[in-house]
C-alpha atoms as a PDB file:
ATOM      1  CA  MET A   1     119.543 106.506 108.489  1.00  0.00           C
ATOM      2  CA  ARG A   2     120.250 103.789 105.961  1.00  0.00           C
ATOM      3  CA  PRO A   3     117.214 102.167 104.363  1.00  0.00           C
ATOM      4  CA  ALA A   4     119.184  98.909 104.543  1.00  0.00           C
ATOM      5  CA  ASP A   5     118.412  98.703 108.262  1.00  0.00           C
ATOM      6  CA  PRO A   6     114.598  98.561 108.463  1.00  0.00           C
ATOM      7  CA  ASP A   7     114.675  96.219 111.423  1.00  0.00           C
ATOM      8  CA  GLN A   8     116.514  98.480 113.855  1.00  0.00           C
ATOM      9  CA  ARG A   9     113.355  99.933 115.440  1.00  0.00           C
ATOM     10  CA  GLY A  10     112.253  96.447 116.455  1.00  0.00           C
ATOM     11  CA  SER A  11     115.549  95.894 118.262  1.00  0.00           C
ATOM     12  CA  GLY A  12     114.849  98.573 120.864  1.00  0.00           C
ATOM     13  CA  GLU A  13     117.387 100.934 119.328  1.00  0.00           C
ATOM     14  CA  ASP A  14     115.768 103.822 117.507  1.00  0.00           C
ATOM     15  CA  PRO A  15     117.778 104.658 114.369  1.00  0.00           C
ATOM     16  CA  LEU A  16     116.047 108.029 114.104  1.00  0.00           C
ATOM     17  CA  ASP A  17     117.550 109.008 117.431  1.00  0.00           C
ATOM     18  CA  ARG A  18     120.932 107.462 116.679  1.00  0.00           C
ATOM     19  CA  HIS A  19     121.411 108.870 113.170  1.00  0.00           C
ATOM     20  CA  GLY A  20     119.373 112.046 113.338  1.00  0.00           C
ATOM     21  CA  GLY A  21     121.733 114.145 115.430  1.00  0.00           C
ATOM     22  CA  GLY A  22     118.711 115.675 117.158  1.00  0.00           C
ATOM     23  CA  GLN A  23     117.312 116.942 113.825  1.00  0.00           C
ATOM     24  CA  LEU A  24     114.860 114.100 113.249  1.00  0.00           C
ATOM     25  CA  ARG A  25     111.826 114.693 115.419  1.00  0.00           C
ATOM     26  CA  HIS A  26     109.284 111.951 114.982  1.00  0.00           C
ATOM     27  CA  GLU A  27     105.892 110.930 116.229  1.00  0.00           C
ATOM     28  CA  THR A  28     104.243 107.534 115.890  1.00  0.00           C
ATOM     29  CA  LEU A  29     100.569 107.530 114.962  1.00  0.00           C
ATOM     30  CA  ASP A  30      98.547 104.440 115.814  1.00  0.00           C
ATOM     31  CA  ILE A  31      96.658 103.564 112.659  1.00  0.00           C
ATOM     32  CA  THR A  32      94.417 100.966 114.267  1.00  0.00           C
ATOM     33  CA  TYR A  33      90.862 101.458 115.479  1.00  0.00           C
ATOM     34  CA  PRO A  34      88.536  99.550 117.840  1.00  0.00           C
ATOM     35  CA  ALA A  35      87.252  96.294 116.368  1.00  0.00           C
ATOM     36  CA  ASP A  36      83.755  96.953 117.692  1.00  0.00           C
ATOM     37  CA  LYS A  37      83.431  99.806 115.152  1.00  0.00           C
ATOM     38  CA  GLY A  38      83.638  97.184 112.395  1.00  0.00           C
ATOM     39  CA  GLU A  39      83.942  97.991 108.734  1.00  0.00           C
ATOM     40  CA  GLY A  40      82.215 101.347 109.218  1.00  0.00           C
ATOM     41  CA  GLY A  41      85.028 102.525 111.471  1.00  0.00           C
ATOM     42  CA  MET A  42      87.627 102.625 108.703  1.00  0.00           C
ATOM     43  CA  GLY A  43      86.594 105.944 107.131  1.00  0.00           C
ATOM     44  CA  PRO A  44      86.430 107.924 110.377  1.00  0.00           C
ATOM     45  CA  ALA A  45      89.712 106.312 111.532  1.00  0.00           C
ATOM     46  CA  LEU A  46      91.500 107.406 108.335  1.00  0.00           C
ATOM     47  CA  ASP A  47      90.063 110.919 108.689  1.00  0.00           C
ATOM     48  CA  GLY A  48      91.327 111.065 112.265  1.00  0.00           C
ATOM     49  CA  ILE A  49      94.826 109.903 111.295  1.00  0.00           C
ATOM     50  CA  CYS A  50      94.982 112.505 108.510  1.00  0.00           C
ATOM     51  CA  ALA A  51      93.876 115.279 110.876  1.00  0.00           C
ATOM     52  CA  GLU A  52      96.370 114.194 113.517  1.00  0.00           C
ATOM     53  CA  ALA A  53      99.230 114.094 110.981  1.00  0.00           C
ATOM     54  CA  GLU A  54      98.281 117.572 109.728  1.00  0.00           C
ATOM     55  CA  GLU A  55      98.218 118.907 113.286  1.00  0.00           C
ATOM     56  CA  TYR A  56     101.739 117.607 113.980  1.00  0.00           C
ATOM     57  CA  VAL A  57     103.132 119.049 110.752  1.00  0.00           C
ATOM     58  CA  ARG A  58     101.466 122.455 111.245  1.00  0.00           C
ATOM     59  CA  ALA A  59     102.823 122.705 114.782  1.00  0.00           C
ATOM     60  CA  LYS A  60     106.301 122.071 113.316  1.00  0.00           C
ATOM     61  CA  GLU A  61     106.961 119.712 116.202  1.00  0.00           C
ATOM     62  CA  PHE A  62     107.807 116.729 114.026  1.00  0.00           C
ATOM     63  CA  ASN A  63     109.439 116.239 110.644  1.00  0.00           C
ATOM     64  CA  ILE A  64     108.841 112.483 110.457  1.00  0.00           C
ATOM     65  CA  ILE A  65     105.545 110.731 111.028  1.00  0.00           C
ATOM     66  CA  ILE A  66     105.504 106.983 111.599  1.00  0.00           C
ATOM     67  CA  LEU A  67     102.226 105.256 110.721  1.00  0.00           C
ATOM     68  CA  SER A  68     102.199 102.102 112.850  1.00  0.00           C
ATOM     69  CA  ASP A  69      99.876  99.108 113.054  1.00  0.00           C
ATOM     70  CA  ARG A  70     101.720  97.470 115.975  1.00  0.00           C
ATOM     71  CA  ARG A  71      98.623  97.708 118.195  1.00  0.00           C
ATOM     72  CA  ALA A  72      96.575  95.542 115.798  1.00  0.00           C
ATOM     73  CA  GLY A  73      95.066  92.519 117.466  1.00  0.00           C
ATOM     74  CA  PRO A  74      91.755  90.924 118.420  1.00  0.00           C
ATOM     75  CA  ASP A  75      90.416  94.228 119.792  1.00  0.00           C
ATOM     76  CA  ARG A  76      92.000  96.619 117.262  1.00  0.00           C
ATOM     77  CA  ILE A  77      91.799  96.583 113.454  1.00  0.00           C
ATOM     78  CA  ALA A  78      94.506  98.027 111.228  1.00  0.00           C
ATOM     79  CA  ASP A  79      93.475  99.799 108.050  1.00  0.00           C
ATOM     80  CA  PRO A  80      95.003  98.350 104.881  1.00  0.00           C
ATOM     81  CA  GLY A  81      98.595  99.644 104.617  1.00  0.00           C
ATOM     82  CA  ALA A  82      98.377 101.280 101.215  1.00  0.00           C
ATOM     83  CA  ALA A  83      95.053 102.961 102.094  1.00  0.00           C
ATOM     84  CA  ARG A  84      96.366 104.701 105.211  1.00  0.00           C
ATOM     85  CA  ASP A  85      99.686 105.583 103.573  1.00  0.00           C
ATOM     86  CA  ALA A  86      97.945 107.082 100.538  1.00  0.00           C
ATOM     87  CA  ALA A  87      95.303 108.848 102.646  1.00  0.00           C
ATOM     88  CA  VAL A  88      97.867 110.678 104.787  1.00  0.00           C
ATOM     89  CA  HIS A  89     100.140 111.367 101.797  1.00  0.00           C
ATOM     90  CA  HIS A  90      97.369 112.925  99.690  1.00  0.00           C
ATOM     91  CA  HIS A  91      95.805 114.765 102.615  1.00  0.00           C
ATOM     92  CA  LEU A  92      99.116 116.485 103.325  1.00  0.00           C
ATOM     93  CA  ILE A  93      99.551 117.265  99.602  1.00  0.00           C
ATOM     94  CA  ARG A  94      96.097 118.912  99.504  1.00  0.00           C
ATOM     95  CA  LYS A  95      97.015 120.999 102.545  1.00  0.00           C
ATOM     96  CA  GLY A  96     100.391 122.001 101.030  1.00  0.00           C
ATOM     97  CA  LEU A  97     102.316 120.300 103.842  1.00  0.00           C
ATOM     98  CA  ARG A  98     103.677 117.107 102.302  1.00  0.00           C
ATOM     99  CA  THR A  99     107.185 118.425 101.654  1.00  0.00           C
ATOM    100  CA  SER A 100     107.536 119.341 105.339  1.00  0.00           C
ATOM    101  CA  VAL A 101     107.411 115.779 106.643  1.00  0.00           C
ATOM    102  CA  GLY A 102     108.672 112.290 105.897  1.00  0.00           C
ATOM    103  CA  LEU A 103     106.328 109.319 106.124  1.00  0.00           C
ATOM    104  CA  VAL A 104     107.474 106.004 107.569  1.00  0.00           C
ATOM    105  CA  VAL A 105     105.156 102.995 107.529  1.00  0.00           C
ATOM    106  CA  GLU A 106     105.646 100.453 110.317  1.00  0.00           C
ATOM    107  CA  THR A 107     103.557  97.473 109.316  1.00  0.00           C
ATOM    108  CA  GLY A 108     103.179  93.760 109.780  1.00  0.00           C
ATOM    109  CA  GLU A 109     101.571  93.474 106.338  1.00  0.00           C
ATOM    110  CA  ALA A 110     104.705  94.014 104.243  1.00  0.00           C
ATOM    111  CA  ARG A 111     106.211  90.628 103.427  1.00  0.00           C
ATOM    112  CA  GLU A 112     106.908  90.676  99.689  1.00  0.00           C
ATOM    113  CA  VAL A 113     108.725  93.044  97.371  1.00  0.00           C
ATOM    114  CA  HIS A 114     105.390  94.014  95.798  1.00  0.00           C
ATOM    115  CA  HIS A 115     104.060  95.170  99.192  1.00  0.00           C
ATOM    116  CA  PHE A 116     107.093  97.435  99.645  1.00  0.00           C
ATOM    117  CA  ALA A 117     106.737  98.815  96.115  1.00  0.00           C
ATOM    118  CA  CYS A 118     103.059  99.642  96.693  1.00  0.00           C
ATOM    119  CA  LEU A 119     103.734 101.398 100.001  1.00  0.00           C
ATOM    120  CA  ALA A 120     106.573 103.407  98.439  1.00  0.00           C
ATOM    121  CA  GLY A 121     104.372 104.243  95.451  1.00  0.00           C
ATOM    122  CA  TYR A 122     101.712 105.601  97.802  1.00  0.00           C
ATOM    123  CA  GLY A 123     104.115 107.930  99.576  1.00  0.00           C
ATOM    124  CA  ALA A 124     106.173 106.052 102.177  1.00  0.00           C
ATOM    125  CA  GLU A 125     109.826 107.066 102.277  1.00  0.00           C
ATOM    126  CA  ALA A 126     110.736 104.201 104.590  1.00  0.00           C
ATOM    127  CA  ILE A 127     109.072 100.958 105.607  1.00  0.00           C
ATOM    128  CA  ASN A 128     109.647  98.936 108.757  1.00  0.00           C
ATOM    129  CA  PRO A 129     108.324  95.396 108.155  1.00  0.00           C
ATOM    130  CA  TYR A 130     108.559  94.535 111.834  1.00  0.00           C
ATOM    131  CA  LEU A 131     106.576  91.312 111.624  1.00  0.00           C
ATOM    132  CA  ALA A 132     108.749  89.896 108.821  1.00  0.00           C
ATOM    133  CA  PHE A 133     111.817  90.371 110.991  1.00  0.00           C
ATOM    134  CA  GLU A 134     110.166  89.142 114.183  1.00  0.00           C
ATOM    135  CA  ARG A 135     109.099  85.963 112.395  1.00  0.00           C
ATOM    136  CA  SER A 136     112.522  85.330 110.837  1.00  0.00           C
ATOM    137  CA  PRO A 137     113.496  83.056 113.779  1.00  0.00           C
ATOM    138  CA  MET A 138     111.111  80.528 112.225  1.00  0.00           C
ATOM    139  CA  ILE A 139     114.045  79.587 109.948  1.00  0.00           C
ATOM    140  CA  PRO A 140     116.220  77.947 112.619  1.00  0.00           C
ATOM    141  CA  GLU A 141     118.989  76.620 110.395  1.00  0.00           C
ATOM    142  CA  LEU A 142     120.457  80.115 109.859  1.00  0.00           C
ATOM    143  CA  PRO A 143     121.989  82.340 112.547  1.00  0.00           C
ATOM    144  CA  GLU A 144     119.921  85.436 113.510  1.00  0.00           C
ATOM    145  CA  GLY A 145     122.274  87.981 111.896  1.00  0.00           C
ATOM    146  CA  ARG A 146     122.353  86.072 108.636  1.00  0.00           C
ATOM    147  CA  ARG A 147     118.532  85.794 108.459  1.00  0.00           C
ATOM    148  CA  ARG A 148     118.172  89.554 108.815  1.00  0.00           C
ATOM    149  CA  ARG A 149     120.991  90.316 106.371  1.00  0.00           C
ATOM    150  CA  ASP A 150     119.623  87.872 103.780  1.00  0.00           C
ATOM    151  CA  GLY A 151     116.119  89.312 104.200  1.00  0.00           C
ATOM    152  CA  ARG A 152     117.327  92.876 103.634  1.00  0.00           C
ATOM    153  CA  GLN A 153     119.418  91.778 100.648  1.00  0.00           C
ATOM    154  CA  ALA A 154     116.441  89.997  99.058  1.00  0.00           C
ATOM    155  CA  LEU A 155     114.254  93.081  99.455  1.00  0.00           C
ATOM    156  CA  HIS A 156     116.850  95.387  97.933  1.00  0.00           C
ATOM    157  CA  GLN A 157     117.494  92.997  95.036  1.00  0.00           C
ATOM    158  CA  GLY A 158     113.766  92.701  94.363  1.00  0.00           C
ATOM    159  CA  ASP A 159     113.376  96.478  94.605  1.00  0.00           C
ATOM    160  CA  ARG A 160     116.029  96.958  91.915  1.00  0.00           C
ATOM    161  CA  GLN A 161     114.449  94.340  89.635  1.00  0.00           C
ATOM    162  CA  GLY A 162     110.894  95.647  90.040  1.00  0.00           C
ATOM    163  CA  PRO A 163     111.104  98.526  87.553  1.00  0.00           C
ATOM    164  CA  SER A 164     112.572  96.293  84.829  1.00  0.00           C
END
């Protein structure tokens, strides 16, 4: 799977299925929690996500875990992206399982190069900024394909300039 195509999951076509040749077994973990739990629900939600990720890795059922906030809305709160990414990453390191699984973050929060750099720095191997690509039609003067291509190009250019 090419990192240059982060928007493919949002198109209904799953690049993990298309490019994996049956070797990429993935599971999507919902990283949102009920809004009625409020601020106090964040800690237990992160603990639950970490335990669930560990369970999947130990069972050797999946070699990619997708942490997704797509269910976020008025009734469900998403933990901050870097917090959940780092929590799962470090939990799996402590358990000696991190090298057995890839982490993908599917988030509506990532909009700027800095957001991508932070998520990658906290352990994400791939990032699907689904909301950035779903909102790209708000620039009507460019054709759809060009908006997506230009968006990917800008992210990759910013990613290369970041370390300098």
